């Protein structure tokens, strides 16, 4: 009798603990950032904003490469003064290229950070709204060691983001 009572009490406590945990789900944040229309739009924005500068850098690299090829081909017939002048021009162009490349990288990183922050804020709002309207007590993202597919709501969040 005492064993039955203990067993019933134990089972009751487990069911109370399970129900107290509430409804929970998991989302894959990497998948959402990769597949959401907002993230794709942010990537397109970066491409549009910096594509011209990237193209100019590619052209500058081609120009430097052509200058170096011409120098290698013609340096045997150049005077010492001409060689010095061409070498100095190549060095100057390379320095300018490196400066422009570094500036572009810094600008892209800064803008990417701004866009990601905006997208994450929007996604977070959609997740909160989805969780609240669907009765979730917890929606987990990173740091989850295991999540069953039955609690993975990533696709539902992506559908909400497409609205």
C-alpha atoms as a PDB file:
ATOM      1  CA  UNK A   1       0.000   0.000   0.000  1.00  0.00           C
ATOM      2  CA  UNK A   2       2.792   2.390   0.968  1.00  0.00           C
ATOM      3  CA  UNK A   3       4.622   1.496  -2.280  1.00  0.00           C
ATOM      4  CA  UNK A   4       1.496   2.203  -4.351  1.00  0.00           C
ATOM      5  CA  UNK A   5       0.985   5.532  -2.632  1.00  0.00           C
ATOM      6  CA  UNK A   6       4.651   6.463  -3.179  1.00  0.00           C
ATOM      7  CA  UNK A   7       4.440   5.410  -6.831  1.00  0.00           C
ATOM      8  CA  UNK A   8       1.246   7.406  -7.391  1.00  0.00           C
ATOM      9  CA  UNK A   9       2.772  10.453  -5.687  1.00  0.00           C
ATOM     10  CA  UNK A  10       5.961  10.119  -7.762  1.00  0.00           C
ATOM     11  CA  UNK A  11       4.040   9.796 -11.035  1.00  0.00           C
ATOM     12  CA  UNK A  12       1.884  12.782 -10.076  1.00  0.00           C
ATOM     13  CA  UNK A  13       4.959  14.900  -9.360  1.00  0.00           C
ATOM     14  CA  UNK A  14       6.507  13.946 -12.707  1.00  0.00           C
ATOM     15  CA  UNK A  15       3.357  14.859 -14.607  1.00  0.00           C
ATOM     16  CA  UNK A  16       3.123  18.162 -12.721  1.00  0.00           C
ATOM     17  CA  UNK A  17       6.783  18.907 -13.534  1.00  0.00           C
ATOM     18  CA  UNK A  18       6.249  18.080 -17.212  1.00  0.00           C
ATOM     19  CA  UNK A  19       3.150  20.239 -17.453  1.00  0.00           C
ATOM     20  CA  UNK A  20       4.840  23.047 -15.508  1.00  0.00           C
ATOM     21  CA  UNK A  21       7.622  23.092 -18.086  1.00  0.00           C
ATOM     22  CA  UNK A  22       5.046  24.339 -20.560  1.00  0.00           C
ATOM     23  CA  UNK A  23       4.913  24.157 -24.306  1.00  0.00           C
ATOM     24  CA  UNK A  24       8.340  24.581 -25.828  1.00  0.00           C
ATOM     25  CA  UNK A  25       9.896  24.553 -29.270  1.00  0.00           C
ATOM     26  CA  UNK A  26      13.193  25.007 -31.015  1.00  0.00           C
ATOM     27  CA  UNK A  27      14.255  27.090 -34.009  1.00  0.00           C
ATOM     28  CA  UNK A  28      17.446  26.916 -36.018  1.00  0.00           C
ATOM     29  CA  UNK A  29      18.669  30.546 -36.145  1.00  0.00           C
ATOM     30  CA  UNK A  30      21.288  29.835 -38.826  1.00  0.00           C
ATOM     31  CA  UNK A  31      18.645  28.381 -41.119  1.00  0.00           C
ATOM     32  CA  UNK A  32      16.369  31.352 -40.510  1.00  0.00           C
ATOM     33  CA  UNK A  33      19.165  33.854 -41.219  1.00  0.00           C
ATOM     34  CA  UNK A  34      20.054  31.947 -44.376  1.00  0.00           C
ATOM     35  CA  UNK A  35      16.544  31.434 -45.743  1.00  0.00           C
ATOM     36  CA  UNK A  36      14.423  34.334 -44.561  1.00  0.00           C
ATOM     37  CA  UNK A  37      13.380  36.847 -47.219  1.00  0.00           C
ATOM     38  CA  UNK A  38      14.610  39.656 -44.960  1.00  0.00           C
ATOM     39  CA  UNK A  39      18.121  38.186 -44.763  1.00  0.00           C
ATOM     40  CA  UNK A  40      18.167  37.633 -48.525  1.00  0.00           C
ATOM     41  CA  UNK A  41      17.045  41.217 -49.013  1.00  0.00           C
ATOM     42  CA  UNK A  42      19.819  42.443 -46.707  1.00  0.00           C
ATOM     43  CA  UNK A  43      22.386  40.496 -48.754  1.00  0.00           C
ATOM     44  CA  UNK A  44      20.995  42.037 -51.937  1.00  0.00           C
ATOM     45  CA  UNK A  45      21.187  45.490 -50.343  1.00  0.00           C
ATOM     46  CA  UNK A  46      24.869  44.930 -49.559  1.00  0.00           C
ATOM     47  CA  UNK A  47      25.495  43.797 -53.113  1.00  0.00           C
ATOM     48  CA  UNK A  48      23.743  46.863 -54.518  1.00  0.00           C
ATOM     49  CA  UNK A  49      25.462  49.304 -52.171  1.00  0.00           C
ATOM     50  CA  UNK A  50      28.990  47.980 -52.598  1.00  0.00           C
ATOM     51  CA  UNK A  51      28.978  46.196 -55.954  1.00  0.00           C
ATOM     52  CA  UNK A  52      30.287  49.245 -57.808  1.00  0.00           C
ATOM     53  CA  UNK A  53      33.211  49.692 -55.461  1.00  0.00           C
ATOM     54  CA  UNK A  54      34.026  45.984 -55.644  1.00  0.00           C
ATOM     55  CA  UNK A  55      34.016  46.187 -59.447  1.00  0.00           C
ATOM     56  CA  UNK A  56      36.393  49.176 -59.354  1.00  0.00           C
ATOM     57  CA  UNK A  57      38.748  47.192 -57.119  1.00  0.00           C
ATOM     58  CA  UNK A  58      38.694  44.256 -59.543  1.00  0.00           C
ATOM     59  CA  UNK A  59      39.508  46.628 -62.390  1.00  0.00           C
ATOM     60  CA  UNK A  60      42.293  48.224 -60.364  1.00  0.00           C
ATOM     61  CA  UNK A  61      43.769  44.767 -59.626  1.00  0.00           C
ATOM     62  CA  UNK A  62      43.679  43.926 -63.337  1.00  0.00           C
ATOM     63  CA  UNK A  63      45.385  47.218 -64.167  1.00  0.00           C
ATOM     64  CA  UNK A  64      48.143  46.543 -61.613  1.00  0.00           C
ATOM     65  CA  UNK A  65      48.580  43.034 -62.957  1.00  0.00           C
ATOM     66  CA  UNK A  66      48.873  44.379 -66.515  1.00  0.00           C
ATOM     67  CA  UNK A  67      51.409  46.991 -65.350  1.00  0.00           C
ATOM     68  CA  UNK A  68      53.497  44.244 -63.723  1.00  0.00           C
ATOM     69  CA  UNK A  69      53.314  42.039 -66.824  1.00  0.00           C
ATOM     70  CA  UNK A  70      54.376  44.930 -69.054  1.00  0.00           C
ATOM     71  CA  UNK A  71      57.216  45.774 -66.675  1.00  0.00           C
ATOM     72  CA  UNK A  72      58.475  42.173 -66.691  1.00  0.00           C
ATOM     73  CA  UNK A  73      58.303  42.110 -70.469  1.00  0.00           C
ATOM     74  CA  UNK A  74      59.881  45.522 -71.099  1.00  0.00           C
ATOM     75  CA  UNK A  75      62.295  46.080 -68.193  1.00  0.00           C
ATOM     76  CA  UNK A  76      65.285  44.735 -70.154  1.00  0.00           C
ATOM     77  CA  UNK A  77      64.934  47.517 -72.709  1.00  0.00           C
ATOM     78  CA  UNK A  78      64.116  50.279 -70.203  1.00  0.00           C
ATOM     79  CA  UNK A  79      66.593  52.744 -68.868  1.00  0.00           C
ATOM     80  CA  UNK A  80      67.312  52.706 -65.145  1.00  0.00           C
ATOM     81  CA  UNK A  81      65.255  55.885 -64.763  1.00  0.00           C
ATOM     82  CA  UNK A  82      62.276  54.369 -66.606  1.00  0.00           C
ATOM     83  CA  UNK A  83      62.456  51.199 -64.480  1.00  0.00           C
ATOM     84  CA  UNK A  84      62.485  53.259 -61.289  1.00  0.00           C
ATOM     85  CA  UNK A  85      59.536  55.292 -62.473  1.00  0.00           C
ATOM     86  CA  UNK A  86      57.469  52.209 -63.419  1.00  0.00           C
ATOM     87  CA  UNK A  87      58.397  50.406 -60.177  1.00  0.00           C
ATOM     88  CA  UNK A  88      57.368  53.446 -58.152  1.00  0.00           C
ATOM     89  CA  UNK A  89      54.056  53.641 -60.050  1.00  0.00           C
ATOM     90  CA  UNK A  90      53.343  49.951 -59.430  1.00  0.00           C
ATOM     91  CA  UNK A  91      54.130  50.319 -55.722  1.00  0.00           C
ATOM     92  CA  UNK A  92      51.930  53.417 -55.495  1.00  0.00           C
ATOM     93  CA  UNK A  93      49.053  51.634 -57.271  1.00  0.00           C
ATOM     94  CA  UNK A  94      49.381  48.598 -54.963  1.00  0.00           C
ATOM     95  CA  UNK A  95      49.294  50.824 -51.880  1.00  0.00           C
ATOM     96  CA  UNK A  96      46.209  52.592 -53.182  1.00  0.00           C
ATOM     97  CA  UNK A  97      44.592  49.245 -53.943  1.00  0.00           C
ATOM     98  CA  UNK A  98      45.295  47.939 -50.433  1.00  0.00           C
ATOM     99  CA  UNK A  99      43.942  51.133 -48.879  1.00  0.00           C
ATOM    100  CA  UNK A 100      40.784  51.046 -51.010  1.00  0.00           C
ATOM    101  CA  UNK A 101      40.302  47.339 -50.306  1.00  0.00           C
ATOM    102  CA  UNK A 102      40.665  47.821 -46.548  1.00  0.00           C
ATOM    103  CA  UNK A 103      38.277  50.778 -46.589  1.00  0.00           C
ATOM    104  CA  UNK A 104      35.724  48.787 -48.566  1.00  0.00           C
ATOM    105  CA  UNK A 105      36.000  45.820 -46.195  1.00  0.00           C
ATOM    106  CA  UNK A 106      35.476  48.066 -43.181  1.00  0.00           C
ATOM    107  CA  UNK A 107      32.480  49.766 -44.797  1.00  0.00           C
ATOM    108  CA  UNK A 108      30.939  46.423 -45.784  1.00  0.00           C
ATOM    109  CA  UNK A 109      31.425  44.988 -42.286  1.00  0.00           C
ATOM    110  CA  UNK A 110      29.865  48.054 -40.683  1.00  0.00           C
ATOM    111  CA  UNK A 111      26.866  48.021 -43.016  1.00  0.00           C
ATOM    112  CA  UNK A 112      26.477  44.237 -42.728  1.00  0.00           C
ATOM    113  CA  UNK A 113      26.364  44.625 -38.947  1.00  0.00           C
ATOM    114  CA  UNK A 114      23.641  47.260 -39.234  1.00  0.00           C
ATOM    115  CA  UNK A 115      21.572  45.147 -41.613  1.00  0.00           C
ATOM    116  CA  UNK A 116      21.960  41.981 -39.540  1.00  0.00           C
ATOM    117  CA  UNK A 117      20.891  43.859 -36.427  1.00  0.00           C
ATOM    118  CA  UNK A 118      17.763  45.111 -38.205  1.00  0.00           C
ATOM    119  CA  UNK A 119      16.944  41.626 -39.525  1.00  0.00           C
ATOM    120  CA  UNK A 120      17.533  39.999 -36.137  1.00  0.00           C
ATOM    121  CA  UNK A 121      15.267  42.536 -34.462  1.00  0.00           C
ATOM    122  CA  UNK A 122      12.503  41.837 -36.970  1.00  0.00           C
ATOM    123  CA  UNK A 123      12.947  38.057 -36.669  1.00  0.00           C
ATOM    124  CA  UNK A 124      12.903  38.284 -32.895  1.00  0.00           C
ATOM    125  CA  UNK A 125       9.602  40.173 -33.039  1.00  0.00           C
ATOM    126  CA  UNK A 126       8.095  37.566 -35.370  1.00  0.00           C
ATOM    127  CA  UNK A 127       9.247  34.753 -33.060  1.00  0.00           C
ATOM    128  CA  UNK A 128       7.773  36.479 -29.999  1.00  0.00           C
ATOM    129  CA  UNK A 129       4.476  37.091 -31.772  1.00  0.00           C
ATOM    130  CA  UNK A 130       4.375  33.510 -33.091  1.00  0.00           C
ATOM    131  CA  UNK A 131       5.180  32.090 -29.651  1.00  0.00           C
ATOM    132  CA  UNK A 132       2.575  34.200 -27.933  1.00  0.00           C
ATOM    133  CA  UNK A 133      -0.196  33.537 -30.445  1.00  0.00           C
ATOM    134  CA  UNK A 134       0.519  29.786 -30.520  1.00  0.00           C
ATOM    135  CA  UNK A 135       0.757  29.274 -26.763  1.00  0.00           C
ATOM    136  CA  UNK A 136       4.467  28.591 -26.407  1.00  0.00           C
ATOM    137  CA  UNK A 137       6.117  29.139 -23.062  1.00  0.00           C
ATOM    138  CA  UNK A 138       9.637  28.664 -24.420  1.00  0.00           C
ATOM    139  CA  UNK A 139      11.225  28.887 -27.850  1.00  0.00           C
ATOM    140  CA  UNK A 140      14.886  27.916 -27.792  1.00  0.00           C
ATOM    141  CA  UNK A 141      17.553  28.819 -30.322  1.00  0.00           C
ATOM    142  CA  UNK A 142      21.298  28.354 -29.921  1.00  0.00           C
ATOM    143  CA  UNK A 143      22.859  26.307 -27.179  1.00  0.00           C
ATOM    144  CA  UNK A 144      20.448  23.397 -27.513  1.00  0.00           C
ATOM    145  CA  UNK A 145      22.276  20.082 -27.433  1.00  0.00           C
ATOM    146  CA  UNK A 146      19.359  18.171 -28.948  1.00  0.00           C
ATOM    147  CA  UNK A 147      15.937  19.044 -30.274  1.00  0.00           C
ATOM    148  CA  UNK A 148      13.493  16.585 -31.750  1.00  0.00           C
ATOM    149  CA  UNK A 149      12.042  17.426 -35.147  1.00  0.00           C
ATOM    150  CA  UNK A 150       8.637  17.462 -33.483  1.00  0.00           C
ATOM    151  CA  UNK A 151       9.570  20.649 -31.595  1.00  0.00           C
ATOM    152  CA  UNK A 152      11.484  22.319 -34.461  1.00  0.00           C
ATOM    153  CA  UNK A 153       9.330  25.249 -35.619  1.00  0.00           C
ATOM    154  CA  UNK A 154      11.945  26.785 -37.916  1.00  0.00           C
ATOM    155  CA  UNK A 155       9.816  26.263 -41.027  1.00  0.00           C
ATOM    156  CA  UNK A 156       6.775  27.880 -39.387  1.00  0.00           C
ATOM    157  CA  UNK A 157       8.858  30.931 -38.464  1.00  0.00           C
ATOM    158  CA  UNK A 158      10.172  31.143 -42.033  1.00  0.00           C
ATOM    159  CA  UNK A 159       6.572  31.060 -43.281  1.00  0.00           C
ATOM    160  CA  UNK A 160       5.685  33.905 -40.907  1.00  0.00           C
ATOM    161  CA  UNK A 161       8.665  35.911 -42.139  1.00  0.00           C
ATOM    162  CA  UNK A 162       7.489  35.508 -45.728  1.00  0.00           C
ATOM    163  CA  UNK A 163       4.182  37.198 -44.942  1.00  0.00           C
END
